Every structure is written in structure tokens, then in C-alpha cells.
């Protein structure tokens, strides 16, 4: 039975091959013979479905081939577009960075103008802040710019710290937030004095600066602002620089001093443009460097009955 089926299959295939060859020969010859035309038409009718099925099966492979053929150009185009996108993004970021630095420089010049400080602008290029190391930054200015150790460092918001050491082209600045830093400070508008010092704490709920008021009986409230008292000949700190704002007051009965957590005026985590004060002001600027406090909205009082209505 199997031999009979195989023989029949071979016979059918042979017949199809012979018919195909015959049609090919007839198709290549132009003839007006009606018999030939009828044979050609019959062949088209019989083999058209087979040809359509083969084309449908081959079409996806053809599409894949065309895609592969075009792939090198597409990859090059995509790579070019990605490169241009990176260049454009870098340009935008550079412009934004330049704009931010320009604003910081404007704020720094405003502060130096109010305090009459002579400053050398610089950029913070590196920072070290880890266990066992001082909390410092390196700036791109040094002795050749007139910078020496124990000079005050500020930015447009207030006190950054002091110069720890200076090289020819760079200098290391010890930040106020470091545990070894301390500065004499006073309350705004008062003569109550104390010492602000870094805590070297970088926990979210902890203040990086503590303030000890020397007079335990003196009043101190949340929201009070601090400025530097100034050192002899302005070294290491010049007077009048904003230090921070009292965030929490600790009342300890029997203590010789009153202490408070202080929110620093300067965000030490985002330092960029700073200024080194190379000459102290001739006079203490007092509170003139502090930014004006926002005015509170006060309700308007009616002047007469008509206004009240």
C-alpha cells in the first residue's frame, strides 16, 4: 500500500514538473494559436493559487531581507541622532549651569557690597566629607590671588567657613559645619553674644550648627538670626556675615548657657561659587548684610462705615 502511494506521488510530481516546463516554454513564445493560448490560460488558472501561496510565504522573508539591507544606514542615522541629542543636552545643561553661576555671582557681589568686603571669587571644585576627615572644600584660587590661611569664606547667602590652608593655585576651606569649626556670633539687633560651632552631624533631623548663648538669662527665640561678631583684624572671621537662623531653643534649668539648634544660612551640600574676603570692612556692617525679612500681611482697617460695608 505504501509503495502504491509513493509511486502515485512521484507520478503526480513528475506530471506537475512536465506541465510547468511546458508552460514556461509556451510563455516565452508569442503565438496567435488559440490552442496554445488556451493551454497557457489553463496553466495560469491551475498554478496561480500555488504561486500566490508561495509569494505570501516568502513575503515576510523578503521584508526581513530588505530591513537587514537597510539596517546599516538606519543604525548610523540613529547613532548620529543620539550624538546630536547628547550634544544638545550638554549644551542646555552648560547654559543652565552658567546661568546659575551667574546668579550666584550676583548674590555674592550683593553681599560683599552690603558688607563692604573685598573678596576674591572662586569656584568649589571638590569636597571631602567623611568619617575621620574634616568637612572641607577645595577652591580654584590660592596664594597667587592673595589668599592666605584664616581668611573668611562666604557665598551669596552667608558664612561658608574659613581658609584652612592655601597653595599657589588652590586653597582648602574648612566648612562651618565641621565639628572643629567655631565662630563668635550675636543675635540680630542685640548685643547678646555666643559661639556657633559645627556639629559634624549629617542626619536629616539634626542641625549641623549649634549656638551657645553666653548669658543664660538672655532671651532667644526660634526665628532669631545670627551674624558673625568678627575677629581681631578680621582673622579668621569678618563681622556682620549671616550665620543662620535659630531653629530650636533648648531650655536647661541651672545651665550656665543657653543653647539652640541653628539652620545654617548656607547650604553646604550645594556649594559652587564662593568668595574669599581678603580685606575686612573699615566699619562693622552690623545687620545690614542680612536679607530683609518678608513683610506680614496686615488686615486693612475700615476708615468709615461705608468702607466697613
C-alpha atoms as a PDB file:
ATOM      1  CA  UNK A   1       0.000   0.000   0.000  1.00  0.00           C
ATOM      2  CA  UNK A   2       2.816   2.365   0.929  1.00  0.00           C
ATOM      3  CA  UNK A   3       4.656   1.599  -2.354  1.00  0.00           C
ATOM      4  CA  UNK A   4       1.486   2.341  -4.337  1.00  0.00           C
ATOM      5  CA  UNK A   5       1.048   5.715  -2.567  1.00  0.00           C
ATOM      6  CA  UNK A   6       4.703   6.619  -3.093  1.00  0.00           C
ATOM      7  CA  UNK A   7       4.511   5.686  -6.761  1.00  0.00           C
ATOM      8  CA  UNK A   8       1.364   7.761  -7.186  1.00  0.00           C
ATOM      9  CA  UNK A   9       3.034  10.745  -5.513  1.00  0.00           C
ATOM     10  CA  UNK A  10       6.062  10.518  -7.776  1.00  0.00           C
ATOM     11  CA  UNK A  11       3.761  10.340 -10.813  1.00  0.00           C
ATOM     12  CA  UNK A  12       1.906  13.486  -9.724  1.00  0.00           C
ATOM     13  CA  UNK A  13       5.111  15.414  -9.079  1.00  0.00           C
ATOM     14  CA  UNK A  14       6.521  14.352 -12.446  1.00  0.00           C
ATOM     15  CA  UNK A  15       3.376  15.466 -14.192  1.00  0.00           C
ATOM     16  CA  UNK A  16       3.475  18.847 -12.480  1.00  0.00           C
ATOM     17  CA  UNK A  17       7.106  19.362 -13.425  1.00  0.00           C
ATOM     18  CA  UNK A  18       6.435  18.463 -17.077  1.00  0.00           C
ATOM     19  CA  UNK A  19       3.407  20.762 -17.127  1.00  0.00           C
ATOM     20  CA  UNK A  20       5.445  23.590 -15.604  1.00  0.00           C
ATOM     21  CA  UNK A  21       8.209  23.228 -18.163  1.00  0.00           C
ATOM     22  CA  UNK A  22       5.661  23.140 -20.961  1.00  0.00           C
ATOM     23  CA  UNK A  23       4.031  26.342 -19.720  1.00  0.00           C
ATOM     24  CA  UNK A  24       7.402  28.040 -19.404  1.00  0.00           C
ATOM     25  CA  UNK A  25       8.213  27.199 -22.998  1.00  0.00           C
ATOM     26  CA  UNK A  26       4.816  28.367 -24.175  1.00  0.00           C
ATOM     27  CA  UNK A  27       5.030  31.557 -22.109  1.00  0.00           C
ATOM     28  CA  UNK A  28       8.348  32.537 -23.684  1.00  0.00           C
ATOM     29  CA  UNK A  29       6.894  32.213 -27.173  1.00  0.00           C
ATOM     30  CA  UNK A  30       4.402  34.655 -28.501  1.00  0.00           C
ATOM     31  CA  UNK A  31       1.792  32.761 -30.516  1.00  0.00           C
ATOM     32  CA  UNK A  32      -1.567  33.521 -32.016  1.00  0.00           C
ATOM     33  CA  UNK A  33      -2.502  29.858 -31.905  1.00  0.00           C
ATOM     34  CA  UNK A  34      -5.793  29.616 -29.975  1.00  0.00           C
ATOM     35  CA  UNK A  35      -4.857  26.172 -28.693  1.00  0.00           C
ATOM     36  CA  UNK A  36      -1.626  27.476 -27.236  1.00  0.00           C
ATOM     37  CA  UNK A  37      -3.384  30.441 -25.624  1.00  0.00           C
ATOM     38  CA  UNK A  38      -5.989  28.142 -24.094  1.00  0.00           C
ATOM     39  CA  UNK A  39      -3.260  25.899 -22.651  1.00  0.00           C
ATOM     40  CA  UNK A  40      -1.476  28.975 -21.197  1.00  0.00           C
ATOM     41  CA  UNK A  41      -4.722  30.250 -19.662  1.00  0.00           C
ATOM     42  CA  UNK A  42      -5.472  26.847 -18.169  1.00  0.00           C
ATOM     43  CA  UNK A  43      -1.991  26.710 -16.662  1.00  0.00           C
ATOM     44  CA  UNK A  44      -2.407  30.142 -15.083  1.00  0.00           C
ATOM     45  CA  UNK A  45      -5.718  29.049 -13.624  1.00  0.00           C
ATOM     46  CA  UNK A  46      -4.224  25.905 -12.105  1.00  0.00           C
ATOM     47  CA  UNK A  47      -0.927  27.299 -10.800  1.00  0.00           C
ATOM     48  CA  UNK A  48      -1.991  30.846  -9.753  1.00  0.00           C
ATOM     49  CA  UNK A  49      -3.152  29.734  -6.255  1.00  0.00           C
ATOM     50  CA  UNK A  50       0.116  27.876  -5.733  1.00  0.00           C
ATOM     51  CA  UNK A  51       2.145  30.913  -6.855  1.00  0.00           C
ATOM     52  CA  UNK A  52       0.133  33.214  -4.589  1.00  0.00           C
ATOM     53  CA  UNK A  53       0.722  30.918  -1.610  1.00  0.00           C
ATOM     54  CA  UNK A  54       4.441  30.799  -2.277  1.00  0.00           C
ATOM     55  CA  UNK A  55       4.592  34.620  -2.594  1.00  0.00           C
ATOM     56  CA  UNK A  56       2.693  35.021   0.678  1.00  0.00           C
ATOM     57  CA  UNK A  57       5.089  32.658   2.418  1.00  0.00           C
ATOM     58  CA  UNK A  58       8.167  34.343   1.001  1.00  0.00           C
ATOM     59  CA  UNK A  59       6.987  37.969   1.530  1.00  0.00           C
ATOM     60  CA  UNK A  60       7.937  38.118   5.285  1.00  0.00           C
ATOM     61  CA  UNK A  61      11.397  36.800   4.458  1.00  0.00           C
ATOM     62  CA  UNK A  62      11.710  39.444   1.774  1.00  0.00           C
ATOM     63  CA  UNK A  63      10.698  42.159   4.242  1.00  0.00           C
ATOM     64  CA  UNK A  64      13.305  40.895   6.700  1.00  0.00           C
ATOM     65  CA  UNK A  65      15.939  40.942   3.985  1.00  0.00           C
ATOM     66  CA  UNK A  66      15.034  44.497   2.998  1.00  0.00           C
ATOM     67  CA  UNK A  67      15.180  45.562   6.656  1.00  0.00           C
ATOM     68  CA  UNK A  68      18.557  43.939   7.110  1.00  0.00           C
ATOM     69  CA  UNK A  69      19.800  45.556   3.932  1.00  0.00           C
ATOM     70  CA  UNK A  70      18.739  48.989   5.227  1.00  0.00           C
ATOM     71  CA  UNK A  71      19.901  48.346   8.819  1.00  0.00           C
ATOM     72  CA  UNK A  72      23.445  49.748   8.499  1.00  0.00           C
ATOM     73  CA  UNK A  73      22.150  53.129   7.312  1.00  0.00           C
ATOM     74  CA  UNK A  74      19.444  53.126   9.987  1.00  0.00           C
ATOM     75  CA  UNK A  75      21.949  52.360  12.710  1.00  0.00           C
ATOM     76  CA  UNK A  76      24.229  55.130  11.500  1.00  0.00           C
ATOM     77  CA  UNK A  77      21.303  57.563  11.428  1.00  0.00           C
ATOM     78  CA  UNK A  78      20.166  56.592  14.918  1.00  0.00           C
ATOM     79  CA  UNK A  79      23.729  56.901  16.210  1.00  0.00           C
ATOM     80  CA  UNK A  80      24.009  60.363  14.642  1.00  0.00           C
ATOM     81  CA  UNK A  81      20.710  61.490  16.176  1.00  0.00           C
ATOM     82  CA  UNK A  82      21.712  60.159  19.591  1.00  0.00           C
ATOM     83  CA  UNK A  83      25.035  62.005  19.358  1.00  0.00           C
ATOM     84  CA  UNK A  84      23.300  65.255  18.424  1.00  0.00           C
ATOM     85  CA  UNK A  85      20.832  64.739  21.267  1.00  0.00           C
ATOM     86  CA  UNK A  86      23.679  64.288  23.751  1.00  0.00           C
ATOM     87  CA  UNK A  87      25.426  67.391  22.437  1.00  0.00           C
ATOM     88  CA  UNK A  88      22.227  69.424  22.679  1.00  0.00           C
ATOM     89  CA  UNK A  89      21.537  68.169  26.202  1.00  0.00           C
ATOM     90  CA  UNK A  90      25.088  69.019  27.269  1.00  0.00           C
ATOM     91  CA  UNK A  91      24.753  72.487  25.755  1.00  0.00           C
ATOM     92  CA  UNK A  92      21.474  73.131  27.571  1.00  0.00           C
ATOM     93  CA  UNK A  93      22.939  71.901  30.859  1.00  0.00           C
ATOM     94  CA  UNK A  94      26.008  74.096  30.355  1.00  0.00           C
ATOM     95  CA  UNK A  95      23.845  77.132  29.659  1.00  0.00           C
ATOM     96  CA  UNK A  96      21.731  76.430  32.730  1.00  0.00           C
ATOM     97  CA  UNK A  97      24.880  75.933  34.808  1.00  0.00           C
ATOM     98  CA  UNK A  98      26.320  79.202  33.518  1.00  0.00           C
ATOM     99  CA  UNK A  99      23.048  80.947  34.312  1.00  0.00           C
ATOM    100  CA  UNK A 100      23.013  79.514  37.853  1.00  0.00           C
ATOM    101  CA  UNK A 101      26.622  80.528  38.419  1.00  0.00           C
ATOM    102  CA  UNK A 102      25.909  83.999  37.117  1.00  0.00           C
ATOM    103  CA  UNK A 103      23.064  84.319  39.613  1.00  0.00           C
ATOM    104  CA  UNK A 104      25.295  83.045  42.434  1.00  0.00           C
ATOM    105  CA  UNK A 105      27.981  85.547  41.492  1.00  0.00           C
ATOM    106  CA  UNK A 106      25.415  88.356  41.514  1.00  0.00           C
ATOM    107  CA  UNK A 107      24.301  87.334  45.014  1.00  0.00           C
ATOM    108  CA  UNK A 108      27.923  87.154  46.159  1.00  0.00           C
ATOM    109  CA  UNK A 109      28.657  90.646  44.839  1.00  0.00           C
ATOM    110  CA  UNK A 110      25.495  91.934  46.505  1.00  0.00           C
ATOM    111  CA  UNK A 111      26.581  90.528  49.881  1.00  0.00           C
ATOM    112  CA  UNK A 112      30.119  91.871  49.540  1.00  0.00           C
ATOM    113  CA  UNK A 113      28.732  95.274  48.574  1.00  0.00           C
ATOM    114  CA  UNK A 114      26.430  95.440  51.598  1.00  0.00           C
ATOM    115  CA  UNK A 115      29.206  94.394  53.973  1.00  0.00           C
ATOM    116  CA  UNK A 116      31.900  96.369  52.150  1.00  0.00           C
ATOM    117  CA  UNK A 117      34.038  93.234  51.969  1.00  0.00           C
ATOM    118  CA  UNK A 118      36.835  92.986  49.429  1.00  0.00           C
ATOM    119  CA  UNK A 119      36.548  89.495  48.002  1.00  0.00           C
ATOM    120  CA  UNK A 120      38.188  87.136  45.530  1.00  0.00           C
ATOM    121  CA  UNK A 121      35.564  84.990  43.756  1.00  0.00           C
ATOM    122  CA  UNK A 122      36.339  81.286  43.383  1.00  0.00           C
ATOM    123  CA  UNK A 123      34.673  78.025  42.485  1.00  0.00           C
ATOM    124  CA  UNK A 124      34.362  74.995  44.726  1.00  0.00           C
ATOM    125  CA  UNK A 125      35.884  72.119  42.768  1.00  0.00           C
ATOM    126  CA  UNK A 126      35.978  69.228  45.255  1.00  0.00           C
ATOM    127  CA  UNK A 127      34.575  68.351  48.644  1.00  0.00           C
ATOM    128  CA  UNK A 128      35.660  65.953  51.382  1.00  0.00           C
ATOM    129  CA  UNK A 129      33.078  64.943  53.962  1.00  0.00           C
ATOM    130  CA  UNK A 130      33.551  61.553  55.571  1.00  0.00           C
ATOM    131  CA  UNK A 131      34.184  59.962  58.921  1.00  0.00           C
ATOM    132  CA  UNK A 132      37.622  60.830  60.226  1.00  0.00           C
ATOM    133  CA  UNK A 133      38.170  63.671  57.757  1.00  0.00           C
ATOM    134  CA  UNK A 134      37.434  67.389  58.096  1.00  0.00           C
ATOM    135  CA  UNK A 135      34.390  68.752  56.291  1.00  0.00           C
ATOM    136  CA  UNK A 136      36.196  70.773  53.628  1.00  0.00           C
ATOM    137  CA  UNK A 137      36.042  72.034  50.065  1.00  0.00           C
ATOM    138  CA  UNK A 138      38.826  72.889  47.631  1.00  0.00           C
ATOM    139  CA  UNK A 139      38.547  76.116  45.666  1.00  0.00           C
ATOM    140  CA  UNK A 140      40.352  77.136  42.474  1.00  0.00           C
ATOM    141  CA  UNK A 141      42.109  80.186  43.932  1.00  0.00           C
ATOM    142  CA  UNK A 142      45.187  80.426  46.123  1.00  0.00           C
ATOM    143  CA  UNK A 143      48.202  82.435  47.147  1.00  0.00           C
ATOM    144  CA  UNK A 144      48.695  83.914  43.691  1.00  0.00           C
ATOM    145  CA  UNK A 145      45.237  85.503  44.149  1.00  0.00           C
ATOM    146  CA  UNK A 146      46.138  86.975  47.549  1.00  0.00           C
ATOM    147  CA  UNK A 147      44.568  84.180  49.602  1.00  0.00           C
ATOM    148  CA  UNK A 148      46.175  83.014  52.840  1.00  0.00           C
ATOM    149  CA  UNK A 149      45.143  80.814  55.745  1.00  0.00           C
ATOM    150  CA  UNK A 150      42.434  82.009  58.182  1.00  0.00           C
ATOM    151  CA  UNK A 151      40.520  84.173  55.736  1.00  0.00           C
ATOM    152  CA  UNK A 152      36.722  84.282  55.808  1.00  0.00           C
ATOM    153  CA  UNK A 153      34.879  82.436  53.044  1.00  0.00           C
ATOM    154  CA  UNK A 154      31.330  83.418  52.096  1.00  0.00           C
ATOM    155  CA  UNK A 155      28.801  82.973  49.333  1.00  0.00           C
ATOM    156  CA  UNK A 156      25.728  84.984  48.413  1.00  0.00           C
ATOM    157  CA  UNK A 157      23.785  83.590  51.372  1.00  0.00           C
ATOM    158  CA  UNK A 158      26.261  83.931  54.227  1.00  0.00           C
ATOM    159  CA  UNK A 159      29.165  82.271  56.013  1.00  0.00           C
ATOM    160  CA  UNK A 160      30.770  79.212  54.386  1.00  0.00           C
ATOM    161  CA  UNK A 161      33.821  78.799  56.638  1.00  0.00           C
ATOM    162  CA  UNK A 162      37.462  79.791  56.726  1.00  0.00           C
ATOM    163  CA  UNK A 163      40.590  79.056  54.696  1.00  0.00           C
ATOM    164  CA  UNK A 164      42.386  76.149  56.327  1.00  0.00           C
ATOM    165  CA  UNK A 165      45.464  76.260  54.104  1.00  0.00           C
ATOM    166  CA  UNK A 166      46.408  77.851  50.805  1.00  0.00           C
ATOM    167  CA  UNK A 167      48.521  76.624  47.935  1.00  0.00           C
ATOM    168  CA  UNK A 168      49.704  78.507  44.898  1.00  0.00           C
ATOM    169  CA  UNK A 169      46.602  77.918  42.769  1.00  0.00           C
ATOM    170  CA  UNK A 170      44.115  76.293  45.165  1.00  0.00           C
ATOM    171  CA  UNK A 171      43.021  76.537  48.782  1.00  0.00           C
ATOM    172  CA  UNK A 172      41.280  74.262  51.275  1.00  0.00           C
ATOM    173  CA  UNK A 173      38.281  75.687  53.128  1.00  0.00           C
ATOM    174  CA  UNK A 174      37.092  74.268  56.466  1.00  0.00           C
ATOM    175  CA  UNK A 175      33.314  74.497  56.467  1.00  0.00           C
ATOM    176  CA  UNK A 176      31.385  75.934  59.393  1.00  0.00           C
ATOM    177  CA  UNK A 177      29.518  72.624  59.674  1.00  0.00           C
ATOM    178  CA  UNK A 178      32.704  70.756  60.637  1.00  0.00           C
ATOM    179  CA  UNK A 179      32.999  69.711  64.263  1.00  0.00           C
ATOM    180  CA  UNK A 180      36.253  71.653  64.628  1.00  0.00           C
ATOM    181  CA  UNK A 181      34.728  74.932  63.415  1.00  0.00           C
ATOM    182  CA  UNK A 182      33.544  77.704  65.716  1.00  0.00           C
ATOM    183  CA  UNK A 183      32.774  81.369  65.265  1.00  0.00           C
ATOM    184  CA  UNK A 184      31.748  84.158  67.582  1.00  0.00           C
ATOM    185  CA  UNK A 185      28.191  85.256  66.758  1.00  0.00           C
ATOM    186  CA  UNK A 186      25.500  87.531  68.085  1.00  0.00           C
ATOM    187  CA  UNK A 187      21.763  87.814  67.822  1.00  0.00           C
ATOM    188  CA  UNK A 188      20.346  90.226  65.258  1.00  0.00           C
ATOM    189  CA  UNK A 189      19.578  93.650  66.668  1.00  0.00           C
ATOM    190  CA  UNK A 190      21.007  92.741  70.063  1.00  0.00           C
ATOM    191  CA  UNK A 191      24.377  92.664  71.710  1.00  0.00           C
ATOM    192  CA  UNK A 192      23.811  89.190  73.152  1.00  0.00           C
ATOM    193  CA  UNK A 193      26.824  87.150  72.152  1.00  0.00           C
ATOM    194  CA  UNK A 194      27.667  83.498  71.938  1.00  0.00           C
ATOM    195  CA  UNK A 195      29.546  80.881  69.961  1.00  0.00           C
ATOM    196  CA  UNK A 196      28.289  78.992  66.915  1.00  0.00           C
ATOM    197  CA  UNK A 197      30.063  75.752  66.153  1.00  0.00           C
ATOM    198  CA  UNK A 198      29.697  72.865  63.753  1.00  0.00           C
ATOM    199  CA  UNK A 199      28.433  69.534  64.953  1.00  0.00           C
ATOM    200  CA  UNK A 200      29.692  67.303  62.109  1.00  0.00           C
ATOM    201  CA  UNK A 201      26.233  65.697  62.128  1.00  0.00           C
ATOM    202  CA  UNK A 202      24.662  64.958  58.754  1.00  0.00           C
ATOM    203  CA  UNK A 203      21.453  63.286  59.891  1.00  0.00           C
ATOM    204  CA  UNK A 204      18.262  64.689  58.370  1.00  0.00           C
ATOM    205  CA  UNK A 205      16.705  65.652  61.728  1.00  0.00           C
ATOM    206  CA  UNK A 206      19.907  67.064  63.218  1.00  0.00           C
ATOM    207  CA  UNK A 207      21.179  70.607  62.933  1.00  0.00           C
ATOM    208  CA  UNK A 208      24.730  70.988  61.597  1.00  0.00           C
ATOM    209  CA  UNK A 209      25.263  74.107  63.757  1.00  0.00           C
ATOM    210  CA  UNK A 210      24.786  74.708  67.491  1.00  0.00           C
ATOM    211  CA  UNK A 211      24.738  78.114  69.157  1.00  0.00           C
ATOM    212  CA  UNK A 212      25.631  78.699  72.806  1.00  0.00           C
ATOM    213  CA  UNK A 213      24.452  81.988  74.249  1.00  0.00           C
ATOM    214  CA  UNK A 214      26.927  83.089  76.923  1.00  0.00           C
ATOM    215  CA  UNK A 215      24.295  84.706  79.137  1.00  0.00           C
ATOM    216  CA  UNK A 216      21.919  82.038  80.402  1.00  0.00           C
ATOM    217  CA  UNK A 217      19.358  84.711  81.300  1.00  0.00           C
ATOM    218  CA  UNK A 218      19.304  86.284  77.852  1.00  0.00           C
ATOM    219  CA  UNK A 219      16.239  85.725  75.703  1.00  0.00           C
ATOM    220  CA  UNK A 220      16.487  83.734  72.482  1.00  0.00           C
ATOM    221  CA  UNK A 221      13.606  82.608  70.290  1.00  0.00           C
ATOM    222  CA  UNK A 222      13.011  80.458  67.242  1.00  0.00           C
ATOM    223  CA  UNK A 223      13.465  82.594  64.130  1.00  0.00           C
ATOM    224  CA  UNK A 224      16.193  84.793  65.587  1.00  0.00           C
ATOM    225  CA  UNK A 225      19.020  85.346  63.109  1.00  0.00           C
ATOM    226  CA  UNK A 226      22.738  85.263  63.838  1.00  0.00           C
ATOM    227  CA  UNK A 227      25.639  87.209  62.355  1.00  0.00           C
ATOM    228  CA  UNK A 228      29.378  86.977  62.964  1.00  0.00           C
ATOM    229  CA  UNK A 229      30.829  89.244  65.632  1.00  0.00           C
ATOM    230  CA  UNK A 230      34.161  89.478  63.852  1.00  0.00           C
ATOM    231  CA  UNK A 231      37.711  88.643  64.927  1.00  0.00           C
ATOM    232  CA  UNK A 232      40.708  90.833  65.605  1.00  0.00           C
ATOM    233  CA  UNK A 233      41.800  92.337  62.268  1.00  0.00           C
ATOM    234  CA  UNK A 234      39.163  90.232  60.559  1.00  0.00           C
ATOM    235  CA  UNK A 235      41.042  86.959  61.035  1.00  0.00           C
ATOM    236  CA  UNK A 236      39.622  84.382  60.732  1.00  0.00           C
ATOM    237  CA  UNK A 237      36.168  85.963  60.547  1.00  0.00           C
ATOM    238  CA  UNK A 238      34.983  89.393  59.489  1.00  0.00           C
ATOM    239  CA  UNK A 239      31.905  90.916  61.210  1.00  0.00           C
ATOM    240  CA  UNK A 240      28.312  91.025  60.004  1.00  0.00           C
ATOM    241  CA  UNK A 241      28.191  87.831  57.912  1.00  0.00           C
ATOM    242  CA  UNK A 242      24.890  85.880  58.226  1.00  0.00           C
ATOM    243  CA  UNK A 243      25.423  82.596  60.079  1.00  0.00           C
ATOM    244  CA  UNK A 244      21.947  81.099  60.291  1.00  0.00           C
ATOM    245  CA  UNK A 245      18.551  81.129  61.974  1.00  0.00           C
ATOM    246  CA  UNK A 246      17.585  79.681  65.361  1.00  0.00           C
ATOM    247  CA  UNK A 247      15.509  76.567  64.711  1.00  0.00           C
ATOM    248  CA  UNK A 248      15.118  75.172  68.232  1.00  0.00           C
ATOM    249  CA  UNK A 249      15.907  76.523  71.700  1.00  0.00           C
ATOM    250  CA  UNK A 250      16.886  74.174  74.490  1.00  0.00           C
ATOM    251  CA  UNK A 251      15.988  75.320  77.991  1.00  0.00           C
ATOM    252  CA  UNK A 252      18.068  73.519  80.592  1.00  0.00           C
ATOM    253  CA  UNK A 253      17.344  74.674  84.171  1.00  0.00           C
ATOM    254  CA  UNK A 254      20.514  75.520  86.052  1.00  0.00           C
ATOM    255  CA  UNK A 255      22.703  75.604  82.936  1.00  0.00           C
ATOM    256  CA  UNK A 256      25.295  78.342  82.663  1.00  0.00           C
ATOM    257  CA  UNK A 257      24.495  78.882  78.992  1.00  0.00           C
ATOM    258  CA  UNK A 258      21.505  78.580  76.673  1.00  0.00           C
ATOM    259  CA  UNK A 259      21.868  76.520  73.550  1.00  0.00           C
ATOM    260  CA  UNK A 260      19.971  76.307  70.264  1.00  0.00           C
ATOM    261  CA  UNK A 261      19.946  74.376  67.023  1.00  0.00           C
ATOM    262  CA  UNK A 262      20.663  76.674  64.097  1.00  0.00           C
ATOM    263  CA  UNK A 263      19.642  76.253  60.474  1.00  0.00           C
ATOM    264  CA  UNK A 264      22.701  77.484  58.535  1.00  0.00           C
ATOM    265  CA  UNK A 265      22.341  80.360  56.100  1.00  0.00           C
ATOM    266  CA  UNK A 266      24.456  78.427  53.576  1.00  0.00           C
ATOM    267  CA  UNK A 267      23.590  75.053  52.100  1.00  0.00           C
ATOM    268  CA  UNK A 268      26.979  73.368  52.412  1.00  0.00           C
ATOM    269  CA  UNK A 269      25.836  70.491  50.214  1.00  0.00           C
ATOM    270  CA  UNK A 270      25.437  72.602  47.076  1.00  0.00           C
ATOM    271  CA  UNK A 271      28.384  74.998  47.153  1.00  0.00           C
ATOM    272  CA  UNK A 272      29.637  76.280  43.821  1.00  0.00           C
ATOM    273  CA  UNK A 273      30.578  79.969  43.644  1.00  0.00           C
ATOM    274  CA  UNK A 274      32.175  81.355  46.813  1.00  0.00           C
ATOM    275  CA  UNK A 275      34.173  84.416  47.773  1.00  0.00           C
ATOM    276  CA  UNK A 276      37.255  84.772  49.981  1.00  0.00           C
ATOM    277  CA  UNK A 277      37.319  88.004  51.973  1.00  0.00           C
ATOM    278  CA  UNK A 278      40.837  89.364  51.539  1.00  0.00           C
ATOM    279  CA  UNK A 279      40.190  92.676  53.324  1.00  0.00           C
ATOM    280  CA  UNK A 280      37.893  93.408  56.260  1.00  0.00           C
ATOM    281  CA  UNK A 281      35.494  96.389  56.183  1.00  0.00           C
ATOM    282  CA  UNK A 282      36.508  99.635  57.817  1.00  0.00           C
ATOM    283  CA  UNK A 283      33.333  99.576  59.937  1.00  0.00           C
ATOM    284  CA  UNK A 284      31.195  96.763  61.334  1.00  0.00           C
ATOM    285  CA  UNK A 285      28.234  96.402  58.942  1.00  0.00           C
ATOM    286  CA  UNK A 286      26.110  95.184  61.856  1.00  0.00           C
ATOM    287  CA  UNK A 287      22.864  93.735  60.465  1.00  0.00           C
ATOM    288  CA  UNK A 288      22.955  95.411  57.057  1.00  0.00           C
ATOM    289  CA  UNK A 289      24.074  92.225  55.282  1.00  0.00           C
ATOM    290  CA  UNK A 290      21.060  90.228  56.465  1.00  0.00           C
ATOM    291  CA  UNK A 291      18.330  89.916  53.817  1.00  0.00           C
ATOM    292  CA  UNK A 292      15.131  91.830  54.609  1.00  0.00           C
ATOM    293  CA  UNK A 293      12.544  89.755  56.417  1.00  0.00           C
ATOM    294  CA  UNK A 294       9.309  89.137  54.493  1.00  0.00           C
ATOM    295  CA  UNK A 295       6.559  91.532  55.398  1.00  0.00           C
ATOM    296  CA  UNK A 296       3.496  90.035  57.029  1.00  0.00           C
ATOM    297  CA  UNK A 297       0.135  90.830  55.506  1.00  0.00           C
ATOM    298  CA  UNK A 298      -1.824  93.082  57.873  1.00  0.00           C
ATOM    299  CA  UNK A 299      -5.598  93.471  57.565  1.00  0.00           C
ATOM    300  CA  UNK A 300      -6.748  96.887  56.463  1.00  0.00           C
ATOM    301  CA  UNK A 301      -8.930  98.773  58.952  1.00  0.00           C
ATOM    302  CA  UNK A 302     -12.020 100.479  57.558  1.00  0.00           C
ATOM    303  CA  UNK A 303     -11.923 104.258  57.912  1.00  0.00           C
ATOM    304  CA  UNK A 304     -15.669 104.758  57.899  1.00  0.00           C
ATOM    305  CA  UNK A 305     -18.942 102.929  57.845  1.00  0.00           C
ATOM    306  CA  UNK A 306     -19.082 102.841  54.032  1.00  0.00           C
ATOM    307  CA  UNK A 307     -15.682 101.115  53.853  1.00  0.00           C
ATOM    308  CA  UNK A 308     -16.796  98.673  56.512  1.00  0.00           C
ATOM    309  CA  UNK A 309     -19.830  97.765  54.425  1.00  0.00           C
END
